[in-house]
């Protein structure tokens, strides 16, 4: 599902990107889930300068809105690592990508067969979140507090509609190891990738943060070279490579920092604000 583009906005002043995209957890907010006043002010100044601002997160839309309430200048939200794209101002879903019923069931059954200790969760297209009783990965406290979950014995058997993403968790198993183990066996039309948390994620093939941001860019005729993106997780790697200027937080792993054009101070040190303030100062 997609909606028509908006009218093209005026371009920001020279030296600034046309679009700035921000991961949330580990990037925009602190470990305690706080958005600092300095970072909120930097985002506002960037939007005032004519730059379109967007979130690009693994969070579902409802758990993204809490950040948007603290930074209402953000215009778009790419959620569930690209499976859903929202116009944050209108609260309107402008694009989504779900797996077919067959793809979703087959992918989950493969994960269960190849990883005997696996537990599953899923994000349904209708907004429901279903977790198996033993599905218990570490998640940000503020996300968990605001997440309404239905616990089930068997997530595969509980599928009764379109699935946006499967969450795959295996205690004691590294996320990349899970991806490496399952990727060669995923059914056509699906793919597995890091979720950004302590688990892997299965989604429709081609779904990613960068693909979601491309949908926003198409609304305004923006090229990836005119995008700056900030991130810290393995699910940000493709986005940082895709953007004209990729900024990794200093708290990111070597894998993430190695693909970035620049390293910002950590999320605990207002790293996003530091870089945005410097961009704005250079463009004066």
Protein backbone atom coordinates (compact mmCIF):
# COMPACT_ATOMS: atom_id res chain seq x y z
CA UNK A 1 0.00 0.00 0.00
CA UNK A 2 1.33 3.44 -0.89
CA UNK A 3 -0.15 6.93 -1.04
CA UNK A 4 0.59 9.73 -3.52
CA UNK A 5 3.50 12.11 -2.90
CA UNK A 6 3.18 15.48 -1.24
CA UNK A 7 4.07 18.64 -3.10
CA UNK A 8 7.79 19.33 -3.15
CA UNK A 9 8.96 21.58 -0.31
CA UNK A 10 11.45 24.41 -0.57
CA UNK A 11 15.03 23.20 -0.45
CA UNK A 12 17.10 23.79 2.69
CA UNK A 13 19.97 26.22 2.50
CA UNK A 14 23.20 25.15 0.81
CA UNK A 15 25.36 22.75 2.76
CA UNK A 16 22.48 20.95 4.45
CA UNK A 17 20.99 17.58 3.49
CA UNK A 18 17.44 17.48 2.20
CA UNK A 19 16.52 14.58 4.48
CA UNK A 20 17.90 13.54 7.86
CA UNK A 21 17.03 10.09 9.25
CA UNK A 22 17.54 8.94 12.83
CA UNK A 23 17.49 5.56 14.50
CA UNK A 24 15.91 5.74 17.97
CA UNK A 25 17.37 3.27 20.46
CA UNK A 26 21.10 3.74 20.99
CA UNK A 27 21.09 6.79 18.73
CA UNK A 28 18.48 9.45 19.41
CA UNK A 29 17.58 8.54 22.99
CA UNK A 30 19.57 7.48 26.03
CA UNK A 31 19.64 4.06 27.68
CA UNK A 32 16.92 5.35 30.02
CA UNK A 33 14.71 6.28 27.06
CA UNK A 34 15.19 10.03 27.43
CA UNK A 35 15.37 12.52 24.58
CA UNK A 36 17.56 15.35 25.84
CA UNK A 37 16.52 18.97 25.51
CA UNK A 38 19.66 19.63 23.48
CA UNK A 39 18.83 16.90 20.97
CA UNK A 40 15.18 18.01 20.71
CA UNK A 41 16.33 21.58 20.08
CA UNK A 42 18.80 20.44 17.40
CA UNK A 43 16.05 18.52 15.59
CA UNK A 44 13.81 21.58 15.71
CA UNK A 45 16.56 23.80 14.29
CA UNK A 46 17.20 21.31 11.50
CA UNK A 47 13.51 21.23 10.57
CA UNK A 48 13.34 25.04 10.74
CA UNK A 49 16.20 25.13 8.23
CA UNK A 50 14.04 23.20 5.75
CA UNK A 51 15.43 19.71 6.24
CA UNK A 52 12.86 16.89 6.21
CA UNK A 53 13.34 14.77 9.32
CA UNK A 54 12.45 11.10 9.75
CA UNK A 55 12.80 8.32 12.27
CA UNK A 56 14.09 4.95 11.03
CA UNK A 57 13.54 2.35 13.71
CA UNK A 58 12.85 -1.27 14.46
CA UNK A 59 10.03 -0.17 16.76
CA UNK A 60 6.37 -0.55 15.80
CA UNK A 61 4.47 2.67 15.13
CA UNK A 62 2.75 2.97 18.54
CA UNK A 63 6.10 2.68 20.33
CA UNK A 64 7.52 5.31 17.98
CA UNK A 65 4.83 7.86 18.80
CA UNK A 66 6.22 8.40 22.30
CA UNK A 67 9.39 9.80 20.72
CA UNK A 68 7.41 11.89 18.27
CA UNK A 69 5.48 13.50 21.12
CA UNK A 70 8.80 14.75 22.48
CA UNK A 71 10.05 15.83 19.03
CA UNK A 72 6.96 16.82 17.01
CA UNK A 73 9.12 18.36 14.25
CA UNK A 74 9.85 14.85 12.92
CA UNK A 75 7.83 14.38 9.73
CA UNK A 76 8.08 10.65 8.95
CA UNK A 77 8.65 7.35 10.69
CA UNK A 78 10.02 4.23 9.04
CA UNK A 79 8.96 1.52 11.50
CA UNK A 80 9.64 -2.19 11.97
CA UNK A 81 12.90 -1.74 10.07
CA UNK A 82 11.07 -0.63 6.94
CA UNK A 83 7.95 -2.81 6.94
CA UNK A 84 5.78 0.24 7.69
CA UNK A 85 6.24 3.87 6.64
CA UNK A 86 4.20 6.55 8.40
CA UNK A 87 3.48 10.20 7.74
CA UNK A 88 4.10 11.22 11.35
CA UNK A 89 2.34 14.58 10.99
CA UNK A 90 -0.88 13.10 9.66
CA UNK A 91 -0.57 9.83 11.58
CA UNK A 92 -1.18 8.11 8.25
CA UNK A 93 0.34 4.86 7.03
CA UNK A 94 1.72 5.64 3.58
CA UNK A 95 3.32 2.29 2.80
CA UNK A 96 3.61 -1.22 4.19
CA UNK A 97 5.00 -4.58 3.16
CA UNK A 98 3.79 -7.86 4.63
CA UNK A 99 4.69 -11.44 3.78
CA UNK A 100 2.16 -13.68 2.11
CA UNK A 101 0.52 -16.19 4.44
CA UNK A 102 2.51 -19.02 2.84
CA UNK A 103 5.82 -17.14 3.09
CA UNK A 104 5.23 -16.24 6.74
CA UNK A 105 4.33 -19.75 7.82
CA UNK A 106 7.12 -21.43 5.87
CA UNK A 107 9.76 -19.01 7.13
CA UNK A 108 8.77 -19.51 10.77
CA UNK A 109 8.65 -23.28 10.41
CA UNK A 110 12.16 -23.26 8.92
CA UNK A 111 13.44 -21.20 11.85
CA UNK A 112 11.85 -23.61 14.31
CA UNK A 113 13.29 -26.64 12.52
CA UNK A 114 16.86 -25.36 12.23
CA UNK A 115 17.08 -23.69 15.65
CA UNK A 116 15.52 -26.11 18.14
CA UNK A 117 15.76 -23.65 21.06
CA UNK A 118 14.14 -20.83 19.08
CA UNK A 119 11.20 -18.83 20.35
CA UNK A 120 9.11 -16.59 18.12
CA UNK A 121 7.23 -13.34 18.19
CA UNK A 122 5.44 -11.61 15.37
CA UNK A 123 4.13 -8.23 14.35
CA UNK A 124 0.79 -8.49 12.57
CA UNK A 125 -0.25 -6.03 9.89
CA UNK A 126 -3.33 -5.14 11.97
CA UNK A 127 -1.10 -3.91 14.81
CA UNK A 128 -1.19 -6.94 17.10
CA UNK A 129 1.97 -8.36 18.67
CA UNK A 130 2.00 -12.10 19.43
CA UNK A 131 4.77 -13.65 21.50
CA UNK A 132 5.29 -17.23 22.52
CA UNK A 133 5.43 -17.62 26.30
CA UNK A 134 9.18 -18.32 26.31
CA UNK A 135 9.99 -15.44 23.94
CA UNK A 136 11.95 -13.10 26.23
CA UNK A 137 14.76 -11.12 24.55
CA UNK A 138 16.10 -7.95 26.16
CA UNK A 139 14.25 -4.87 24.97
CA UNK A 140 14.31 -1.15 25.89
CA UNK A 141 12.36 -0.55 29.10
CA UNK A 142 10.19 2.22 27.68
CA UNK A 143 9.29 0.08 24.67
CA UNK A 144 8.22 -2.88 26.79
CA UNK A 145 6.21 -0.66 29.13
CA UNK A 146 4.16 0.66 26.22
CA UNK A 147 3.81 -2.58 24.25
CA UNK A 148 0.59 -4.58 24.36
CA UNK A 149 1.43 -8.23 23.73
CA UNK A 150 -0.73 -11.32 23.41
CA UNK A 151 1.15 -14.37 24.69
CA UNK A 152 0.48 -17.65 22.88
CA UNK A 153 1.72 -21.24 23.05
CA UNK A 154 2.51 -21.47 19.34
CA UNK A 155 2.97 -18.30 17.29
CA UNK A 156 2.80 -20.16 13.98
CA UNK A 157 -0.54 -21.70 14.84
CA UNK A 158 -1.81 -18.28 15.99
CA UNK A 159 -1.26 -16.59 12.62
CA UNK A 160 -4.66 -15.44 11.40
CA UNK A 161 -3.77 -12.53 9.13
CA UNK A 162 -0.97 -10.72 7.34
CA UNK A 163 2.44 -10.82 9.05
CA UNK A 164 4.85 -7.90 8.79
CA UNK A 165 7.78 -9.38 10.71
CA UNK A 166 8.81 -12.47 12.66
CA UNK A 167 11.08 -11.95 15.66
CA UNK A 168 13.49 -14.86 16.13
CA UNK A 169 15.22 -15.41 19.46
CA UNK A 170 17.49 -18.24 20.56
CA UNK A 171 18.99 -17.87 24.04
CA UNK A 172 22.78 -17.88 24.00
CA UNK A 173 22.98 -17.56 20.20
CA UNK A 174 24.45 -14.47 18.58
CA UNK A 175 22.14 -12.57 16.24
CA UNK A 176 24.53 -12.76 13.29
CA UNK A 177 24.97 -16.49 13.90
CA UNK A 178 21.19 -16.90 13.65
CA UNK A 179 21.13 -14.89 10.43
CA UNK A 180 23.99 -16.91 8.94
CA UNK A 181 22.30 -20.19 9.89
CA UNK A 182 18.87 -19.35 8.52
CA UNK A 183 19.54 -17.03 5.55
CA UNK A 184 20.34 -19.78 3.00
CA UNK A 185 17.08 -21.54 3.83
CA UNK A 186 14.58 -18.67 3.83
CA UNK A 187 11.71 -19.14 1.36
CA UNK A 188 11.58 -17.05 -1.80
CA UNK A 189 10.08 -13.66 -1.04
CA UNK A 190 11.49 -13.42 2.49
CA UNK A 191 14.79 -12.58 4.11
CA UNK A 192 16.30 -12.62 7.59
CA UNK A 193 18.40 -9.82 9.08
CA UNK A 194 19.47 -8.35 12.43
CA UNK A 195 16.56 -6.64 14.16
CA UNK A 196 18.61 -4.10 16.09
CA UNK A 197 17.99 -5.95 19.36
CA UNK A 198 19.12 -9.31 20.72
CA UNK A 199 17.30 -11.28 18.03
CA UNK A 200 16.92 -11.71 14.29
CA UNK A 201 13.97 -10.62 12.18
CA UNK A 202 12.26 -12.17 9.16
CA UNK A 203 10.45 -9.87 6.73
CA UNK A 204 9.42 -9.64 3.10
CA UNK A 205 12.39 -9.53 0.74
CA UNK A 206 13.55 -5.98 0.07
CA UNK A 207 12.19 -4.52 3.29
CA UNK A 208 14.77 -2.34 5.04
CA UNK A 209 15.18 1.05 6.63
CA UNK A 210 16.76 2.38 3.45
CA UNK A 211 13.89 1.06 1.30
CA UNK A 212 11.43 2.79 3.63
CA UNK A 213 13.36 6.04 3.42
CA UNK A 214 13.40 5.70 -0.37
CA UNK A 215 9.60 5.94 -0.26
CA UNK A 216 9.89 9.24 1.61
CA UNK A 217 12.58 10.46 -0.81
CA UNK A 218 10.38 9.68 -3.81
CA UNK A 219 7.73 12.04 -2.44
CA UNK A 220 10.13 14.95 -2.81
CA UNK A 221 12.52 13.87 -5.56
CA UNK A 222 15.40 13.43 -3.10
CA UNK A 223 18.47 11.40 -4.06
CA UNK A 224 20.25 9.24 -1.46
CA UNK A 225 23.25 11.54 -1.83
CA UNK A 226 21.12 14.29 -0.23
CA UNK A 227 20.41 12.19 2.87
CA UNK A 228 22.24 12.06 6.20
CA UNK A 229 21.46 9.04 8.40
CA UNK A 230 22.33 8.31 12.03
CA UNK A 231 22.44 4.84 13.60
CA UNK A 232 24.18 2.46 15.97
CA UNK A 233 22.84 -1.05 15.32
CA UNK A 234 23.43 -3.86 12.87
CA UNK A 235 20.01 -3.04 11.39
CA UNK A 236 21.41 0.40 10.50
CA UNK A 237 24.33 -0.80 8.40
CA UNK A 238 22.47 -0.81 5.07
CA UNK A 239 20.93 2.60 5.79
CA UNK A 240 24.31 4.14 6.62
CA UNK A 241 25.78 2.73 3.41
CA UNK A 242 22.81 3.91 1.34
CA UNK A 243 22.77 7.50 2.62
CA UNK A 244 25.04 10.11 1.14
CA UNK A 245 26.45 10.68 4.61
CA UNK A 246 26.23 7.92 7.21
CA UNK A 247 26.86 8.79 10.86
CA UNK A 248 27.52 5.99 13.37
CA UNK A 249 27.37 6.59 17.09
CA UNK A 250 30.53 5.90 19.08
CA UNK A 251 28.57 3.33 21.09
CA UNK A 252 28.04 1.28 17.91
CA UNK A 253 29.93 -1.93 17.20
CA UNK A 254 32.97 -1.99 14.91
CA UNK A 255 30.80 -3.48 12.15
CA UNK A 256 28.58 -0.39 12.17
CA UNK A 257 31.34 2.17 12.62
CA UNK A 258 33.33 0.67 9.75
CA UNK A 259 30.63 1.54 7.17
CA UNK A 260 30.04 5.10 8.41
CA UNK A 261 31.42 8.31 6.96
CA UNK A 262 31.62 9.84 10.41
CA UNK A 263 31.57 8.76 14.05
CA UNK A 264 29.47 10.86 16.43
CA UNK A 265 29.73 10.96 20.22
CA UNK A 266 27.52 8.38 21.91
CA UNK A 267 23.80 8.63 22.50
CA UNK A 268 24.59 9.35 26.15
CA UNK A 269 26.66 12.37 25.06
CA UNK A 270 24.07 14.02 22.77
CA UNK A 271 25.95 12.73 19.73
CA UNK A 272 23.11 13.47 17.31
CA UNK A 273 22.87 17.05 18.59
CA UNK A 274 26.64 17.55 18.29
CA UNK A 275 26.65 16.58 14.60
CA UNK A 276 23.44 18.44 13.73
CA UNK A 277 24.70 21.62 15.39
CA UNK A 278 27.92 21.40 13.40
CA UNK A 279 25.99 20.87 10.14
CA UNK A 280 23.86 23.93 10.84
CA UNK A 281 26.86 26.05 11.82
CA UNK A 282 28.74 25.18 8.62
CA UNK A 283 25.69 26.05 6.54
CA UNK A 284 25.28 29.54 8.02
